[in-house]
Amino acid sequence: MKLNERSVAHYATCDSPADHAGFLHKRVERHHHHHHHHHTTSYHRRWFILKGNLLFYFEDRESREPLGLVVLEGCTVELCEAAEEFAFAIRFDDAGAKAYVLVADCQAAMEAWVKALSRASFDYMRLVVRELEKQLEDARKSLAACHKSPRRLSSGIKRHLSNPAMVPVQEQPPILENGCSKPPPLPPRRRLAAGSVCGAPTTGLSLTGQESPVSPETACFSKLHNWYGQEIAELRREWLESQKSREHGIVKCQEF
């Protein structure tokens, strides 16, 4: 990867906010040419600044030019066993890639760095964005479901006490969640209007041919009261007639 050193240096030291910053000890291993298998390990104290997925390190806090840069893609951040306490490593998937072993000053600093570095890659951000998009979609579906179900209104609904089975009359259309309104539904056709209790067809009243008074324009409760009252009166008349004919039949039986 080619990087423009001036642009990188400017980004490292400009006023853009850092995601994390602090001193860490960076492990440096030197191999001796005369002894192929011999190497020495030392630690350099460096000032680290994390911006996005770029980890810069400087010789000290006031330095204006970074000594190096680690691009945090395709890597894992893990605690490592080392002679020094509070050590952790940045390791890359590539077999030949260099691993960075860093040592913090205390347990809290080490945990903060591991957390910040683990969240720094675009891979992690992609997972976060995907999860947030899923939550947003679930919230939209939930909101849409709420909009479809109207609010319960305690006021504006009256019931006829003598006939609890009568459909409630809504003086005002129900208000939906999204502020829209729709007229109240028409009542179901009354089964009792087409036939009588005794099985004989009714002669006086048939509601099937009449227009229902329940409509968006209905504002008068007495009109509805009279409408359903006619049916009740008819049913009561039929019941009285059936009672009379029954009593008449009993009297005839007694005469015999």
C-alpha atoms as a PDB file:
ATOM      1  CA  MET A   1       0.000   0.000   0.000  1.00  0.00           C
ATOM      2  CA  LYS A   2       1.365   3.395  -0.968  1.00  0.00           C
ATOM      3  CA  LEU A   3       0.740   6.246   1.434  1.00  0.00           C
ATOM      4  CA  ASN A   4       1.392   9.930   0.924  1.00  0.00           C
ATOM      5  CA  GLU A   5       3.613  10.681   3.909  1.00  0.00           C
ATOM      6  CA  ARG A   6       2.743  14.385   4.065  1.00  0.00           C
ATOM      7  CA  SER A   7      -1.014  13.698   3.998  1.00  0.00           C
ATOM      8  CA  VAL A   8      -0.673  10.972   6.611  1.00  0.00           C
ATOM      9  CA  ALA A   9       1.463  13.151   8.869  1.00  0.00           C
ATOM     10  CA  HIS A  10      -0.999  16.030   8.559  1.00  0.00           C
ATOM     11  CA  TYR A  11      -3.962  13.757   9.416  1.00  0.00           C
ATOM     12  CA  ALA A  12      -2.061  12.339  12.397  1.00  0.00           C
ATOM     13  CA  THR A  13      -1.417  15.766  13.929  1.00  0.00           C
ATOM     14  CA  CYS A  14      -4.411  17.839  12.747  1.00  0.00           C
ATOM     15  CA  ASP A  15      -7.283  18.905  14.998  1.00  0.00           C
ATOM     16  CA  SER A  16      -9.583  16.021  14.002  1.00  0.00           C
ATOM     17  CA  PRO A  17     -10.683  14.175  17.155  1.00  0.00           C
ATOM     18  CA  ALA A  18      -8.769  11.059  18.162  1.00  0.00           C
ATOM     19  CA  ASP A  19     -10.643   7.870  19.098  1.00  0.00           C
ATOM     20  CA  HIS A  20      -7.996   7.022  21.680  1.00  0.00           C
ATOM     21  CA  ALA A  21      -4.559   8.289  22.712  1.00  0.00           C
ATOM     22  CA  GLY A  22      -1.930   7.545  25.295  1.00  0.00           C
ATOM     23  CA  PHE A  23       1.539   6.237  26.062  1.00  0.00           C
ATOM     24  CA  LEU A  24       2.407   2.599  25.371  1.00  0.00           C
ATOM     25  CA  HIS A  25       5.633   0.647  25.416  1.00  0.00           C
ATOM     26  CA  LYS A  26       6.326  -0.829  21.987  1.00  0.00           C
ATOM     27  CA  ARG A  27       8.377  -3.999  21.876  1.00  0.00           C
ATOM     28  CA  VAL A  28      11.329  -3.905  19.506  1.00  0.00           C
ATOM     29  CA  GLU A  29      13.292  -7.048  18.619  1.00  0.00           C
ATOM     30  CA  ARG A  30      16.755  -6.789  17.099  1.00  0.00           C
ATOM     31  CA  HIS A  31      18.436  -9.729  15.347  1.00  0.00           C
ATOM     32  CA  HIS A  32      22.217  -9.908  15.448  1.00  0.00           C
ATOM     33  CA  HIS A  33      23.896 -10.731  12.127  1.00  0.00           C
ATOM     34  CA  HIS A  34      26.777 -12.649  13.664  1.00  0.00           C
ATOM     35  CA  HIS A  35      24.483 -14.875  15.662  1.00  0.00           C
ATOM     36  CA  HIS A  36      21.534 -15.934  13.469  1.00  0.00           C
ATOM     37  CA  HIS A  37      19.469 -17.325  16.332  1.00  0.00           C
ATOM     38  CA  HIS A  38      20.337 -14.603  18.808  1.00  0.00           C
ATOM     39  CA  HIS A  39      18.154 -11.519  19.265  1.00  0.00           C
ATOM     40  CA  THR A  40      17.527  -8.959  21.969  1.00  0.00           C
ATOM     41  CA  THR A  41      14.220  -7.459  23.044  1.00  0.00           C
ATOM     42  CA  SER A  42      13.726  -3.898  24.236  1.00  0.00           C
ATOM     43  CA  TYR A  43      10.749  -1.608  24.766  1.00  0.00           C
ATOM     44  CA  HIS A  44      10.431   1.974  23.582  1.00  0.00           C
ATOM     45  CA  ARG A  45       7.954   4.319  25.199  1.00  0.00           C
ATOM     46  CA  ARG A  46       5.878   5.919  22.430  1.00  0.00           C
ATOM     47  CA  TRP A  47       2.871   8.240  22.176  1.00  0.00           C
ATOM     48  CA  PHE A  48       0.048   6.491  20.307  1.00  0.00           C
ATOM     49  CA  ILE A  49      -2.945   8.141  18.603  1.00  0.00           C
ATOM     50  CA  LEU A  50      -5.836   6.129  17.159  1.00  0.00           C
ATOM     51  CA  LYS A  51      -7.911   7.812  14.436  1.00  0.00           C
ATOM     52  CA  GLY A  52     -10.459   5.622  12.673  1.00  0.00           C
ATOM     53  CA  ASN A  53      -8.622   2.472  11.612  1.00  0.00           C
ATOM     54  CA  LEU A  54      -5.199   4.155  11.662  1.00  0.00           C
ATOM     55  CA  LEU A  55      -2.890   3.800  14.680  1.00  0.00           C
ATOM     56  CA  PHE A  56      -0.064   6.351  14.677  1.00  0.00           C
ATOM     57  CA  TYR A  57       2.880   6.355  17.046  1.00  0.00           C
ATOM     58  CA  PHE A  58       5.247   9.217  17.830  1.00  0.00           C
ATOM     59  CA  GLU A  59       8.539   9.552  19.662  1.00  0.00           C
ATOM     60  CA  ASP A  60       6.853  11.756  22.272  1.00  0.00           C
ATOM     61  CA  ARG A  61       3.626  13.668  22.811  1.00  0.00           C
ATOM     62  CA  GLU A  62       4.841  16.924  21.242  1.00  0.00           C
ATOM     63  CA  SER A  63       6.204  15.324  18.056  1.00  0.00           C
ATOM     64  CA  ARG A  64       4.699  16.598  14.781  1.00  0.00           C
ATOM     65  CA  GLU A  65       5.865  13.699  12.612  1.00  0.00           C
ATOM     66  CA  PRO A  66       4.779  10.105  13.328  1.00  0.00           C
ATOM     67  CA  LEU A  67       7.447   7.430  13.514  1.00  0.00           C
ATOM     68  CA  GLY A  68       5.109   4.821  12.113  1.00  0.00           C
ATOM     69  CA  LEU A  69       1.575   3.815  11.223  1.00  0.00           C
ATOM     70  CA  VAL A  70      -0.423   0.608  11.705  1.00  0.00           C
ATOM     71  CA  VAL A  71      -3.481   0.070   9.469  1.00  0.00           C
ATOM     72  CA  LEU A  72      -5.930  -1.937  11.574  1.00  0.00           C
ATOM     73  CA  GLU A  73      -7.552  -4.144   8.940  1.00  0.00           C
ATOM     74  CA  GLY A  74      -7.515  -7.944   8.940  1.00  0.00           C
ATOM     75  CA  CYS A  75      -6.043  -8.037  12.432  1.00  0.00           C
ATOM     76  CA  THR A  76      -6.939  -9.342  15.863  1.00  0.00           C
ATOM     77  CA  VAL A  77      -6.165  -7.682  19.183  1.00  0.00           C
ATOM     78  CA  GLU A  78      -5.475 -10.087  22.025  1.00  0.00           C
ATOM     79  CA  LEU A  79      -3.812 -10.278  25.395  1.00  0.00           C
ATOM     80  CA  CYS A  80      -0.467 -12.025  25.262  1.00  0.00           C
ATOM     81  CA  GLU A  81       1.784 -13.746  27.729  1.00  0.00           C
ATOM     82  CA  ALA A  82       4.931 -11.763  28.153  1.00  0.00           C
ATOM     83  CA  ALA A  83       7.436 -11.060  30.849  1.00  0.00           C
ATOM     84  CA  GLU A  84       5.889  -7.614  31.184  1.00  0.00           C
ATOM     85  CA  GLU A  85       2.505  -7.124  32.823  1.00  0.00           C
ATOM     86  CA  PHE A  86      -0.407  -5.500  30.910  1.00  0.00           C
ATOM     87  CA  ALA A  87       0.910  -6.665  27.516  1.00  0.00           C
ATOM     88  CA  PHE A  88      -1.270  -7.157  24.423  1.00  0.00           C
ATOM     89  CA  ALA A  89      -0.602  -7.812  20.746  1.00  0.00           C
ATOM     90  CA  ILE A  90      -1.944  -6.747  17.360  1.00  0.00           C
ATOM     91  CA  ARG A  91      -1.632  -9.756  15.038  1.00  0.00           C
ATOM     92  CA  PHE A  92      -2.501  -9.925  11.340  1.00  0.00           C
ATOM     93  CA  ASP A  93      -4.040 -12.743   9.317  1.00  0.00           C
ATOM     94  CA  ASP A  94      -1.117 -12.792   6.877  1.00  0.00           C
ATOM     95  CA  ALA A  95       1.483 -15.329   7.957  1.00  0.00           C
ATOM     96  CA  GLY A  96       4.453 -13.065   7.214  1.00  0.00           C
ATOM     97  CA  ALA A  97       2.916  -9.909   8.685  1.00  0.00           C
ATOM     98  CA  LYS A  98       4.601  -8.281  11.622  1.00  0.00           C
ATOM     99  CA  ALA A  99       2.897  -8.508  15.012  1.00  0.00           C
ATOM    100  CA  TYR A 100       2.942  -5.491  17.319  1.00  0.00           C
ATOM    101  CA  VAL A 101       3.408  -6.219  21.020  1.00  0.00           C
ATOM    102  CA  LEU A 102       2.460  -3.282  23.246  1.00  0.00           C
ATOM    103  CA  VAL A 103       2.533  -2.823  27.005  1.00  0.00           C
ATOM    104  CA  ALA A 104       0.253  -0.465  28.942  1.00  0.00           C
ATOM    105  CA  ASP A 105       1.006   1.201  32.266  1.00  0.00           C
ATOM    106  CA  CYS A 106      -1.929  -0.364  34.140  1.00  0.00           C
ATOM    107  CA  GLN A 107      -4.847  -2.774  33.825  1.00  0.00           C
ATOM    108  CA  ALA A 108      -7.430  -0.051  33.061  1.00  0.00           C
ATOM    109  CA  ALA A 109      -5.264   1.457  30.295  1.00  0.00           C
ATOM    110  CA  MET A 110      -4.689  -1.977  28.754  1.00  0.00           C
ATOM    111  CA  GLU A 111      -8.437  -2.786  28.708  1.00  0.00           C
ATOM    112  CA  ALA A 112      -9.267   0.625  27.200  1.00  0.00           C
ATOM    113  CA  TRP A 113      -6.705   0.177  24.411  1.00  0.00           C
ATOM    114  CA  VAL A 114      -7.817  -3.392  23.607  1.00  0.00           C
ATOM    115  CA  LYS A 115     -11.440  -2.246  23.403  1.00  0.00           C
ATOM    116  CA  ALA A 116     -10.640   0.794  21.229  1.00  0.00           C
ATOM    117  CA  LEU A 117      -8.380  -1.156  18.847  1.00  0.00           C
ATOM    118  CA  SER A 118     -10.889  -4.024  18.512  1.00  0.00           C
ATOM    119  CA  ARG A 119     -13.534  -1.545  17.341  1.00  0.00           C
ATOM    120  CA  ALA A 120     -11.295   0.358  14.969  1.00  0.00           C
ATOM    121  CA  SER A 121     -11.530  -1.746  11.797  1.00  0.00           C
ATOM    122  CA  PHE A 122     -13.994  -1.260   8.947  1.00  0.00           C
ATOM    123  CA  ASP A 123     -15.021  -4.903   9.387  1.00  0.00           C
ATOM    124  CA  TYR A 124     -16.244  -4.111  12.900  1.00  0.00           C
ATOM    125  CA  MET A 125     -18.005  -0.931  11.726  1.00  0.00           C
ATOM    126  CA  ARG A 126     -19.707  -2.910   8.952  1.00  0.00           C
ATOM    127  CA  LEU A 127     -21.126  -5.313  11.552  1.00  0.00           C
ATOM    128  CA  VAL A 128     -22.316  -2.398  13.700  1.00  0.00           C
ATOM    129  CA  VAL A 129     -24.006  -0.694  10.727  1.00  0.00           C
ATOM    130  CA  ARG A 130     -25.689  -3.971   9.732  1.00  0.00           C
ATOM    131  CA  GLU A 131     -27.041  -4.452  13.259  1.00  0.00           C
ATOM    132  CA  LEU A 132     -28.274  -0.839  13.441  1.00  0.00           C
ATOM    133  CA  GLU A 133     -30.006  -1.205  10.058  1.00  0.00           C
ATOM    134  CA  LYS A 134     -31.762  -4.344  11.343  1.00  0.00           C
ATOM    135  CA  GLN A 135     -32.912  -2.522  14.494  1.00  0.00           C
ATOM    136  CA  LEU A 136     -34.154   0.399  12.366  1.00  0.00           C
ATOM    137  CA  GLU A 137     -36.131  -1.952  10.099  1.00  0.00           C
ATOM    138  CA  ASP A 138     -37.678  -3.701  13.139  1.00  0.00           C
ATOM    139  CA  ALA A 139     -38.622  -0.302  14.595  1.00  0.00           C
ATOM    140  CA  ARG A 140     -40.255   0.742  11.303  1.00  0.00           C
ATOM    141  CA  LYS A 141     -42.299  -2.482  11.162  1.00  0.00           C
ATOM    142  CA  SER A 142     -43.389  -2.010  14.785  1.00  0.00           C
ATOM    143  CA  LEU A 143     -44.391   1.601  14.086  1.00  0.00           C
ATOM    144  CA  ALA A 144     -46.346   0.586  10.985  1.00  0.00           C
ATOM    145  CA  ALA A 145     -48.212  -2.033  13.026  1.00  0.00           C
ATOM    146  CA  CYS A 146     -49.111   0.626  15.616  1.00  0.00           C
ATOM    147  CA  HIS A 147     -50.454   2.907  12.898  1.00  0.00           C
ATOM    148  CA  LYS A 148     -52.840   0.208  11.663  1.00  0.00           C
ATOM    149  CA  SER A 149     -54.505  -0.322  15.055  1.00  0.00           C
ATOM    150  CA  PRO A 150     -56.690   2.639  16.215  1.00  0.00           C
ATOM    151  CA  ARG A 151     -56.390   4.070  19.676  1.00  0.00           C
ATOM    152  CA  ARG A 152     -58.943   3.107  22.268  1.00  0.00           C
ATOM    153  CA  LEU A 153     -61.298   5.976  22.923  1.00  0.00           C
ATOM    154  CA  SER A 154     -63.094   6.018  26.273  1.00  0.00           C
ATOM    155  CA  SER A 155     -65.079   9.141  25.451  1.00  0.00           C
ATOM    156  CA  GLY A 156     -67.436   9.597  22.530  1.00  0.00           C
ATOM    157  CA  ILE A 157     -68.874   6.057  22.770  1.00  0.00           C
ATOM    158  CA  LYS A 158     -72.416   5.521  24.094  1.00  0.00           C
ATOM    159  CA  ARG A 159     -74.248   2.265  24.658  1.00  0.00           C
ATOM    160  CA  HIS A 160     -77.975   1.698  25.036  1.00  0.00           C
ATOM    161  CA  LEU A 161     -78.346   0.277  28.533  1.00  0.00           C
ATOM    162  CA  SER A 162     -81.529  -1.689  27.811  1.00  0.00           C
ATOM    163  CA  ASN A 163     -79.800  -3.529  24.976  1.00  0.00           C
ATOM    164  CA  PRO A 164     -76.149  -4.286  25.860  1.00  0.00           C
ATOM    165  CA  ALA A 165     -75.711  -6.314  22.674  1.00  0.00           C
ATOM    166  CA  MET A 166     -76.360  -3.264  20.538  1.00  0.00           C
ATOM    167  CA  VAL A 167     -73.323  -2.042  18.561  1.00  0.00           C
ATOM    168  CA  PRO A 168     -71.689   1.019  20.164  1.00  0.00           C
ATOM    169  CA  VAL A 169     -72.407   4.350  18.567  1.00  0.00           C
ATOM    170  CA  GLN A 170     -69.346   6.475  17.938  1.00  0.00           C
ATOM    171  CA  GLU A 171     -70.179  10.163  17.874  1.00  0.00           C
ATOM    172  CA  GLN A 172     -66.810  10.964  16.324  1.00  0.00           C
ATOM    173  CA  PRO A 173     -64.716   8.832  13.986  1.00  0.00           C
ATOM    174  CA  PRO A 174     -61.863   6.997  15.739  1.00  0.00           C
ATOM    175  CA  ILE A 175     -58.496   8.726  15.499  1.00  0.00           C
ATOM    176  CA  LEU A 176     -55.663   6.587  14.214  1.00  0.00           C
ATOM    177  CA  GLU A 177     -52.011   6.789  15.309  1.00  0.00           C
ATOM    178  CA  ASN A 178     -50.971   8.712  12.209  1.00  0.00           C
ATOM    179  CA  GLY A 179     -53.626  11.369  12.670  1.00  0.00           C
ATOM    180  CA  CYS A 180     -55.906  10.100   9.895  1.00  0.00           C
ATOM    181  CA  SER A 181     -59.531   9.264  10.567  1.00  0.00           C
ATOM    182  CA  LYS A 182     -62.068   6.943   9.019  1.00  0.00           C
ATOM    183  CA  PRO A 183     -65.846   6.670   9.440  1.00  0.00           C
ATOM    184  CA  PRO A 184     -67.253   4.092  11.890  1.00  0.00           C
ATOM    185  CA  PRO A 185     -68.129   0.716  10.340  1.00  0.00           C
ATOM    186  CA  LEU A 186     -71.707  -0.111   9.369  1.00  0.00           C
ATOM    187  CA  PRO A 187     -73.467  -2.440  11.851  1.00  0.00           C
ATOM    188  CA  PRO A 188     -73.967  -6.072  10.803  1.00  0.00           C
ATOM    189  CA  ARG A 189     -77.345  -7.022   9.388  1.00  0.00           C
ATOM    190  CA  ARG A 190     -79.727  -8.043  12.136  1.00  0.00           C
ATOM    191  CA  ARG A 191     -80.640 -11.694  11.796  1.00  0.00           C
ATOM    192  CA  LEU A 192     -83.848 -11.240  13.773  1.00  0.00           C
ATOM    193  CA  ALA A 193     -85.137  -8.738  11.220  1.00  0.00           C
ATOM    194  CA  ALA A 194     -85.609 -11.367   8.521  1.00  0.00           C
ATOM    195  CA  GLY A 195     -87.643 -13.860  10.594  1.00  0.00           C
ATOM    196  CA  SER A 196     -89.600 -14.147  13.811  1.00  0.00           C
ATOM    197  CA  VAL A 197     -88.854 -15.953  17.043  1.00  0.00           C
ATOM    198  CA  CYS A 198     -91.668 -18.423  16.497  1.00  0.00           C
ATOM    199  CA  GLY A 199     -90.462 -19.437  13.044  1.00  0.00           C
ATOM    200  CA  ALA A 200     -93.244 -17.602  11.166  1.00  0.00           C
ATOM    201  CA  PRO A 201     -92.170 -14.756   8.855  1.00  0.00           C
ATOM    202  CA  THR A 202     -92.769 -11.278  10.175  1.00  0.00           C
ATOM    203  CA  THR A 203     -95.401  -9.205   8.475  1.00  0.00           C
ATOM    204  CA  GLY A 204     -95.130  -5.826  10.146  1.00  0.00           C
ATOM    205  CA  LEU A 205     -91.410  -4.971   9.943  1.00  0.00           C
ATOM    206  CA  SER A 206     -88.472  -5.847   7.768  1.00  0.00           C
ATOM    207  CA  LEU A 207     -85.211  -3.930   8.278  1.00  0.00           C
ATOM    208  CA  THR A 208     -83.418  -5.428   5.321  1.00  0.00           C
ATOM    209  CA  GLY A 209     -84.977  -3.016   2.861  1.00  0.00           C
ATOM    210  CA  GLN A 210     -84.332   0.112   4.928  1.00  0.00           C
ATOM    211  CA  GLU A 211     -81.193   2.180   4.898  1.00  0.00           C
ATOM    212  CA  SER A 212     -79.145   1.989   8.072  1.00  0.00           C
ATOM    213  CA  PRO A 213     -78.929   5.292   9.960  1.00  0.00           C
ATOM    214  CA  VAL A 214     -75.331   4.534  10.998  1.00  0.00           C
ATOM    215  CA  SER A 215     -73.270   6.556   8.574  1.00  0.00           C
ATOM    216  CA  PRO A 216     -70.597   9.277   8.747  1.00  0.00           C
ATOM    217  CA  GLU A 217     -73.371  11.882   8.710  1.00  0.00           C
ATOM    218  CA  THR A 218     -75.233  10.417  11.697  1.00  0.00           C
ATOM    219  CA  ALA A 219     -74.991  12.767  14.629  1.00  0.00           C
ATOM    220  CA  CYS A 220     -78.351  12.240  16.327  1.00  0.00           C
ATOM    221  CA  PHE A 221     -78.540   9.462  18.911  1.00  0.00           C
ATOM    222  CA  SER A 222     -82.369   9.530  19.035  1.00  0.00           C
ATOM    223  CA  LYS A 223     -82.507   8.483  15.378  1.00  0.00           C
ATOM    224  CA  LEU A 224     -80.529   5.348  16.203  1.00  0.00           C
ATOM    225  CA  HIS A 225     -82.621   4.793  19.338  1.00  0.00           C
ATOM    226  CA  ASN A 226     -85.828   4.815  17.258  1.00  0.00           C
ATOM    227  CA  TRP A 227     -84.256   2.605  14.606  1.00  0.00           C
ATOM    228  CA  TYR A 228     -83.400  -0.201  17.001  1.00  0.00           C
ATOM    229  CA  GLY A 229     -86.503   0.485  19.105  1.00  0.00           C
ATOM    230  CA  GLN A 230     -88.742  -0.445  16.154  1.00  0.00           C
ATOM    231  CA  GLU A 231     -87.184  -3.859  15.950  1.00  0.00           C
ATOM    232  CA  ILE A 232     -87.463  -4.460  19.689  1.00  0.00           C
ATOM    233  CA  ALA A 233     -91.099  -3.341  19.671  1.00  0.00           C
ATOM    234  CA  GLU A 234     -91.867  -5.742  16.807  1.00  0.00           C
ATOM    235  CA  LEU A 235     -90.149  -8.641  18.587  1.00  0.00           C
ATOM    236  CA  ARG A 236     -92.038  -7.835  21.805  1.00  0.00           C
ATOM    237  CA  ARG A 237     -95.357  -7.749  19.907  1.00  0.00           C
ATOM    238  CA  GLU A 238     -94.634 -11.161  18.375  1.00  0.00           C
ATOM    239  CA  TRP A 239     -93.685 -12.577  21.750  1.00  0.00           C
ATOM    240  CA  LEU A 240     -96.900 -11.290  23.325  1.00  0.00           C
ATOM    241  CA  GLU A 241     -98.928 -12.841  20.516  1.00  0.00           C
ATOM    242  CA  SER A 242     -97.155 -16.167  20.970  1.00  0.00           C
ATOM    243  CA  GLN A 243     -97.856 -16.013  24.714  1.00  0.00           C
ATOM    244  CA  LYS A 244    -101.565 -15.322  24.048  1.00  0.00           C
ATOM    245  CA  SER A 245    -101.845 -18.200  21.578  1.00  0.00           C
ATOM    246  CA  ARG A 246    -100.088 -20.465  24.047  1.00  0.00           C
ATOM    247  CA  GLU A 247    -102.469 -19.483  26.855  1.00  0.00           C
ATOM    248  CA  HIS A 248    -105.394 -19.969  24.475  1.00  0.00           C
ATOM    249  CA  GLY A 249    -104.142 -23.478  23.688  1.00  0.00           C
ATOM    250  CA  ILE A 250    -103.826 -24.323  27.382  1.00  0.00           C
ATOM    251  CA  VAL A 251    -107.397 -23.144  28.022  1.00  0.00           C
ATOM    252  CA  LYS A 252    -108.665 -25.368  25.198  1.00  0.00           C
ATOM    253  CA  CYS A 253    -106.802 -28.323  26.666  1.00  0.00           C
ATOM    254  CA  GLN A 254    -108.445 -27.699  30.068  1.00  0.00           C
ATOM    255  CA  GLU A 255    -111.915 -27.611  28.482  1.00  0.00           C
ATOM    256  CA  PHE A 256    -111.388 -31.108  27.174  1.00  0.00           C
END
